[in-house]
């Protein structure tokens, strides 16, 4: 069990660690010792906005960078950490979606797809004017519709316009609600 952006309470003194990933004891997901932490040092600063996985890798989303935490050895303390994209960060925690071993998330300039080889594909380029016009992207939410193999996206905090992204056709459709 992995958790990120943690608050510790040693002896009643609250400590916020927005750059910590902590992990449980193997076989004991409810036991997370204070010594089981990995500090994610992002050169641009920022805090952890979410965690997800691609195959056997934990993906750590920060506001200004994306990290890959490889724990394929089965022992979390023997991890390998790599910043896979120092120029892109996730600003909307509820936009992180896993669909068919790919991750999707909202960044400041684009919505991105991370493929299993950790290549980053901007998927919102065809609706760039719309996406760039959203003022509160941090409130964006994305859901995966497995039946229709598409993403359902609410950019910002307005629900008047919902966009769907067809994963097979790689195309966007706008749904207008009045």
C-alpha atoms as a PDB file:
ATOM      1  CA  UNK A   1       0.000   0.000   0.000  1.00  0.00           C
ATOM      2  CA  UNK A   2       1.434   3.381  -1.050  1.00  0.00           C
ATOM      3  CA  UNK A   3       0.250   6.821   0.075  1.00  0.00           C
ATOM      4  CA  UNK A   4       1.523  10.243  -0.925  1.00  0.00           C
ATOM      5  CA  UNK A   5       1.415  13.853   0.283  1.00  0.00           C
ATOM      6  CA  UNK A   6       1.214  12.723   3.894  1.00  0.00           C
ATOM      7  CA  UNK A   7       0.590  14.297   7.274  1.00  0.00           C
ATOM      8  CA  UNK A   8       2.380  12.696  10.211  1.00  0.00           C
ATOM      9  CA  UNK A   9       1.433  13.061  13.852  1.00  0.00           C
ATOM     10  CA  UNK A  10       4.499  12.058  15.907  1.00  0.00           C
ATOM     11  CA  UNK A  11       3.809  12.810  19.544  1.00  0.00           C
ATOM     12  CA  UNK A  12       0.904  15.115  18.709  1.00  0.00           C
ATOM     13  CA  UNK A  13       3.025  17.448  16.523  1.00  0.00           C
ATOM     14  CA  UNK A  14       1.557  17.655  13.033  1.00  0.00           C
ATOM     15  CA  UNK A  15       4.072  17.445  10.186  1.00  0.00           C
ATOM     16  CA  UNK A  16       3.036  17.957   6.560  1.00  0.00           C
ATOM     17  CA  UNK A  17       5.175  16.230   3.935  1.00  0.00           C
ATOM     18  CA  UNK A  18       3.744  17.053   0.492  1.00  0.00           C
ATOM     19  CA  UNK A  19       6.730  15.350  -1.176  1.00  0.00           C
ATOM     20  CA  UNK A  20       6.664  12.009   0.725  1.00  0.00           C
ATOM     21  CA  UNK A  21       5.489   8.642  -0.552  1.00  0.00           C
ATOM     22  CA  UNK A  22       5.089   6.176   2.297  1.00  0.00           C
ATOM     23  CA  UNK A  23       4.599   2.437   1.960  1.00  0.00           C
ATOM     24  CA  UNK A  24       3.235  -0.333   4.127  1.00  0.00           C
ATOM     25  CA  UNK A  25       4.982  -3.414   5.385  1.00  0.00           C
ATOM     26  CA  UNK A  26       4.858  -6.274   2.830  1.00  0.00           C
ATOM     27  CA  UNK A  27       1.805  -8.397   3.580  1.00  0.00           C
ATOM     28  CA  UNK A  28       0.501  -5.812   6.076  1.00  0.00           C
ATOM     29  CA  UNK A  29      -1.237  -3.054   4.070  1.00  0.00           C
ATOM     30  CA  UNK A  30      -2.602  -1.407   7.225  1.00  0.00           C
ATOM     31  CA  UNK A  31       0.855  -0.958   8.843  1.00  0.00           C
ATOM     32  CA  UNK A  32       2.851   2.035   7.542  1.00  0.00           C
ATOM     33  CA  UNK A  33       5.903   2.674   9.729  1.00  0.00           C
ATOM     34  CA  UNK A  34       7.220   6.233   9.876  1.00  0.00           C
ATOM     35  CA  UNK A  35      10.577   4.981   8.575  1.00  0.00           C
ATOM     36  CA  UNK A  36       9.045   3.659   5.318  1.00  0.00           C
ATOM     37  CA  UNK A  37       9.139   6.821   3.250  1.00  0.00           C
ATOM     38  CA  UNK A  38      10.570   7.970  -0.044  1.00  0.00           C
ATOM     39  CA  UNK A  39      11.095  11.678  -0.521  1.00  0.00           C
ATOM     40  CA  UNK A  40      10.360  12.823  -4.057  1.00  0.00           C
ATOM     41  CA  UNK A  41      12.711  15.724  -4.704  1.00  0.00           C
ATOM     42  CA  UNK A  42      11.206  17.718  -7.530  1.00  0.00           C
ATOM     43  CA  UNK A  43      13.669  20.374  -8.706  1.00  0.00           C
ATOM     44  CA  UNK A  44      10.774  22.685  -9.623  1.00  0.00           C
ATOM     45  CA  UNK A  45       9.090  22.266  -6.241  1.00  0.00           C
ATOM     46  CA  UNK A  46       5.476  21.303  -5.855  1.00  0.00           C
ATOM     47  CA  UNK A  47       3.539  18.639  -4.036  1.00  0.00           C
ATOM     48  CA  UNK A  48       2.211  15.186  -4.840  1.00  0.00           C
ATOM     49  CA  UNK A  49      -1.213  15.388  -6.475  1.00  0.00           C
ATOM     50  CA  UNK A  50      -1.773  11.682  -7.082  1.00  0.00           C
ATOM     51  CA  UNK A  51      -0.467   8.150  -7.410  1.00  0.00           C
ATOM     52  CA  UNK A  52      -1.348   5.496  -9.964  1.00  0.00           C
ATOM     53  CA  UNK A  53       0.393   2.648 -11.714  1.00  0.00           C
ATOM     54  CA  UNK A  54       1.459   1.485 -15.132  1.00  0.00           C
ATOM     55  CA  UNK A  55       2.225  -2.233 -15.174  1.00  0.00           C
ATOM     56  CA  UNK A  56       4.689  -2.761 -12.249  1.00  0.00           C
ATOM     57  CA  UNK A  57       5.602   0.901 -11.842  1.00  0.00           C
ATOM     58  CA  UNK A  58       4.126   3.420  -9.454  1.00  0.00           C
ATOM     59  CA  UNK A  59       3.612   6.795 -11.136  1.00  0.00           C
ATOM     60  CA  UNK A  60       3.925   9.773  -8.804  1.00  0.00           C
ATOM     61  CA  UNK A  61       2.158  12.883 -10.086  1.00  0.00           C
ATOM     62  CA  UNK A  62       3.419  16.191  -8.770  1.00  0.00           C
ATOM     63  CA  UNK A  63       2.266  19.688  -9.640  1.00  0.00           C
ATOM     64  CA  UNK A  64       5.443  20.321 -11.654  1.00  0.00           C
ATOM     65  CA  UNK A  65       6.802  16.882 -12.600  1.00  0.00           C
ATOM     66  CA  UNK A  66       6.024  13.196 -13.085  1.00  0.00           C
ATOM     67  CA  UNK A  67       8.096  10.445 -11.465  1.00  0.00           C
ATOM     68  CA  UNK A  68       8.392   6.709 -12.018  1.00  0.00           C
ATOM     69  CA  UNK A  69       8.938   4.557  -8.957  1.00  0.00           C
ATOM     70  CA  UNK A  70      10.027   1.039  -9.914  1.00  0.00           C
ATOM     71  CA  UNK A  71       9.451  -1.509  -7.164  1.00  0.00           C
ATOM     72  CA  UNK A  72       9.522  -4.594  -9.407  1.00  0.00           C
ATOM     73  CA  UNK A  73      11.815  -6.373  -6.929  1.00  0.00           C
ATOM     74  CA  UNK A  74       8.798  -6.827  -4.647  1.00  0.00           C
ATOM     75  CA  UNK A  75      10.606  -5.034  -1.823  1.00  0.00           C
ATOM     76  CA  UNK A  76       9.566  -1.337  -1.667  1.00  0.00           C
ATOM     77  CA  UNK A  77      12.778  -0.315   0.118  1.00  0.00           C
ATOM     78  CA  UNK A  78      14.769  -1.424  -2.973  1.00  0.00           C
ATOM     79  CA  UNK A  79      13.142   1.097  -5.281  1.00  0.00           C
ATOM     80  CA  UNK A  80      14.436   2.966  -8.321  1.00  0.00           C
ATOM     81  CA  UNK A  81      13.192   6.527  -8.778  1.00  0.00           C
ATOM     82  CA  UNK A  82      13.323   8.408 -12.069  1.00  0.00           C
ATOM     83  CA  UNK A  83      11.802  11.741 -13.060  1.00  0.00           C
ATOM     84  CA  UNK A  84      10.223  10.851 -16.392  1.00  0.00           C
ATOM     85  CA  UNK A  85       8.983  14.324 -17.271  1.00  0.00           C
ATOM     86  CA  UNK A  86      10.340  17.387 -15.447  1.00  0.00           C
ATOM     87  CA  UNK A  87       8.343  19.828 -17.591  1.00  0.00           C
ATOM     88  CA  UNK A  88       4.800  18.500 -17.117  1.00  0.00           C
ATOM     89  CA  UNK A  89       2.838  18.159 -13.885  1.00  0.00           C
ATOM     90  CA  UNK A  90      -0.652  17.152 -12.856  1.00  0.00           C
ATOM     91  CA  UNK A  91      -2.784  20.019 -11.578  1.00  0.00           C
ATOM     92  CA  UNK A  92      -6.094  18.145 -11.213  1.00  0.00           C
ATOM     93  CA  UNK A  93      -5.973  15.129  -8.875  1.00  0.00           C
ATOM     94  CA  UNK A  94      -9.394  13.879 -10.023  1.00  0.00           C
ATOM     95  CA  UNK A  95      -8.264  13.820 -13.648  1.00  0.00           C
ATOM     96  CA  UNK A  96      -5.852  10.895 -13.210  1.00  0.00           C
ATOM     97  CA  UNK A  97      -7.381   7.872 -14.949  1.00  0.00           C
ATOM     98  CA  UNK A  98      -6.006   4.435 -15.805  1.00  0.00           C
ATOM     99  CA  UNK A  99      -7.377   3.028 -19.076  1.00  0.00           C
ATOM    100  CA  UNK A 100      -5.895  -0.071 -20.717  1.00  0.00           C
ATOM    101  CA  UNK A 101      -2.418   0.280 -19.130  1.00  0.00           C
ATOM    102  CA  UNK A 102      -2.314   3.970 -20.092  1.00  0.00           C
ATOM    103  CA  UNK A 103      -2.644   6.902 -17.739  1.00  0.00           C
ATOM    104  CA  UNK A 104      -4.417  10.149 -18.552  1.00  0.00           C
ATOM    105  CA  UNK A 105      -4.235  13.400 -16.585  1.00  0.00           C
ATOM    106  CA  UNK A 106      -4.747  17.149 -16.878  1.00  0.00           C
ATOM    107  CA  UNK A 107      -1.760  19.489 -16.871  1.00  0.00           C
ATOM    108  CA  UNK A 108      -1.679  23.260 -17.299  1.00  0.00           C
ATOM    109  CA  UNK A 109      -1.151  23.293 -21.045  1.00  0.00           C
ATOM    110  CA  UNK A 110      -2.695  19.970 -22.174  1.00  0.00           C
ATOM    111  CA  UNK A 111      -4.339  16.732 -21.199  1.00  0.00           C
ATOM    112  CA  UNK A 112      -1.771  13.954 -21.522  1.00  0.00           C
ATOM    113  CA  UNK A 113      -1.614  10.234 -22.061  1.00  0.00           C
ATOM    114  CA  UNK A 114       1.272   8.262 -20.556  1.00  0.00           C
ATOM    115  CA  UNK A 115       1.887   5.027 -22.439  1.00  0.00           C
ATOM    116  CA  UNK A 116       3.451   1.916 -20.863  1.00  0.00           C
ATOM    117  CA  UNK A 117       6.841   2.922 -22.360  1.00  0.00           C
ATOM    118  CA  UNK A 118       6.453   6.245 -20.471  1.00  0.00           C
ATOM    119  CA  UNK A 119       6.094   8.354 -23.579  1.00  0.00           C
ATOM    120  CA  UNK A 120       3.885  11.422 -23.065  1.00  0.00           C
ATOM    121  CA  UNK A 121       1.269  12.161 -25.722  1.00  0.00           C
ATOM    122  CA  UNK A 122      -0.729  15.430 -25.604  1.00  0.00           C
ATOM    123  CA  UNK A 123      -4.287  14.322 -26.409  1.00  0.00           C
ATOM    124  CA  UNK A 124      -6.104  17.656 -26.198  1.00  0.00           C
ATOM    125  CA  UNK A 125      -4.302  19.412 -29.054  1.00  0.00           C
ATOM    126  CA  UNK A 126      -7.351  19.264 -31.348  1.00  0.00           C
ATOM    127  CA  UNK A 127      -9.396  21.158 -28.702  1.00  0.00           C
ATOM    128  CA  UNK A 128      -6.482  23.317 -27.590  1.00  0.00           C
ATOM    129  CA  UNK A 129      -8.454  26.580 -27.744  1.00  0.00           C
ATOM    130  CA  UNK A 130     -11.132  25.138 -25.463  1.00  0.00           C
ATOM    131  CA  UNK A 131      -8.639  23.588 -23.050  1.00  0.00           C
ATOM    132  CA  UNK A 132      -6.459  26.698 -22.851  1.00  0.00           C
ATOM    133  CA  UNK A 133      -9.576  28.783 -22.149  1.00  0.00           C
ATOM    134  CA  UNK A 134     -10.417  26.909 -18.960  1.00  0.00           C
ATOM    135  CA  UNK A 135      -9.507  29.108 -16.010  1.00  0.00           C
ATOM    136  CA  UNK A 136      -9.795  26.569 -13.204  1.00  0.00           C
ATOM    137  CA  UNK A 137      -8.283  23.379 -14.649  1.00  0.00           C
ATOM    138  CA  UNK A 138      -7.472  22.108 -11.138  1.00  0.00           C
ATOM    139  CA  UNK A 139     -11.185  21.289 -10.733  1.00  0.00           C
ATOM    140  CA  UNK A 140     -11.217  19.035 -13.823  1.00  0.00           C
ATOM    141  CA  UNK A 141     -12.545  15.480 -13.512  1.00  0.00           C
ATOM    142  CA  UNK A 142     -12.068  12.550 -15.863  1.00  0.00           C
ATOM    143  CA  UNK A 143     -13.768   9.134 -15.865  1.00  0.00           C
ATOM    144  CA  UNK A 144     -13.131   6.059 -17.993  1.00  0.00           C
ATOM    145  CA  UNK A 145     -16.174   4.575 -19.721  1.00  0.00           C
ATOM    146  CA  UNK A 146     -14.973   0.987 -20.326  1.00  0.00           C
ATOM    147  CA  UNK A 147     -18.140  -0.021 -22.183  1.00  0.00           C
ATOM    148  CA  UNK A 148     -17.645   2.612 -24.903  1.00  0.00           C
ATOM    149  CA  UNK A 149     -13.842   2.809 -24.516  1.00  0.00           C
ATOM    150  CA  UNK A 150     -13.778   6.555 -23.994  1.00  0.00           C
ATOM    151  CA  UNK A 151     -12.872   9.176 -21.437  1.00  0.00           C
ATOM    152  CA  UNK A 152     -15.579  11.491 -20.110  1.00  0.00           C
ATOM    153  CA  UNK A 153     -14.043  14.848 -19.196  1.00  0.00           C
ATOM    154  CA  UNK A 154     -15.354  17.818 -17.280  1.00  0.00           C
ATOM    155  CA  UNK A 155     -12.773  20.563 -17.645  1.00  0.00           C
ATOM    156  CA  UNK A 156     -12.807  23.165 -14.884  1.00  0.00           C
ATOM    157  CA  UNK A 157     -15.868  23.478 -12.676  1.00  0.00           C
ATOM    158  CA  UNK A 158     -18.546  23.999 -15.320  1.00  0.00           C
ATOM    159  CA  UNK A 159     -20.817  21.086 -16.184  1.00  0.00           C
ATOM    160  CA  UNK A 160     -22.489  22.748 -19.167  1.00  0.00           C
ATOM    161  CA  UNK A 161     -19.938  21.272 -21.584  1.00  0.00           C
ATOM    162  CA  UNK A 162     -18.696  17.709 -21.226  1.00  0.00           C
ATOM    163  CA  UNK A 163     -16.090  16.350 -23.623  1.00  0.00           C
ATOM    164  CA  UNK A 164     -15.578  12.713 -24.504  1.00  0.00           C
ATOM    165  CA  UNK A 165     -12.343  11.325 -25.900  1.00  0.00           C
ATOM    166  CA  UNK A 166     -12.719   8.156 -27.977  1.00  0.00           C
ATOM    167  CA  UNK A 167      -9.646   6.017 -27.263  1.00  0.00           C
ATOM    168  CA  UNK A 168      -9.941   4.017 -30.496  1.00  0.00           C
ATOM    169  CA  UNK A 169     -10.535   6.930 -32.878  1.00  0.00           C
ATOM    170  CA  UNK A 170      -8.425   9.349 -30.818  1.00  0.00           C
ATOM    171  CA  UNK A 171     -11.051  12.049 -31.346  1.00  0.00           C
ATOM    172  CA  UNK A 172     -13.048  14.458 -29.191  1.00  0.00           C
ATOM    173  CA  UNK A 173     -16.796  15.005 -29.036  1.00  0.00           C
ATOM    174  CA  UNK A 174     -18.496  17.869 -27.232  1.00  0.00           C
ATOM    175  CA  UNK A 175     -21.705  17.213 -25.307  1.00  0.00           C
ATOM    176  CA  UNK A 176     -23.750  20.329 -24.480  1.00  0.00           C
ATOM    177  CA  UNK A 177     -26.198  20.375 -21.570  1.00  0.00           C
ATOM    178  CA  UNK A 178     -28.641  23.238 -21.122  1.00  0.00           C
END
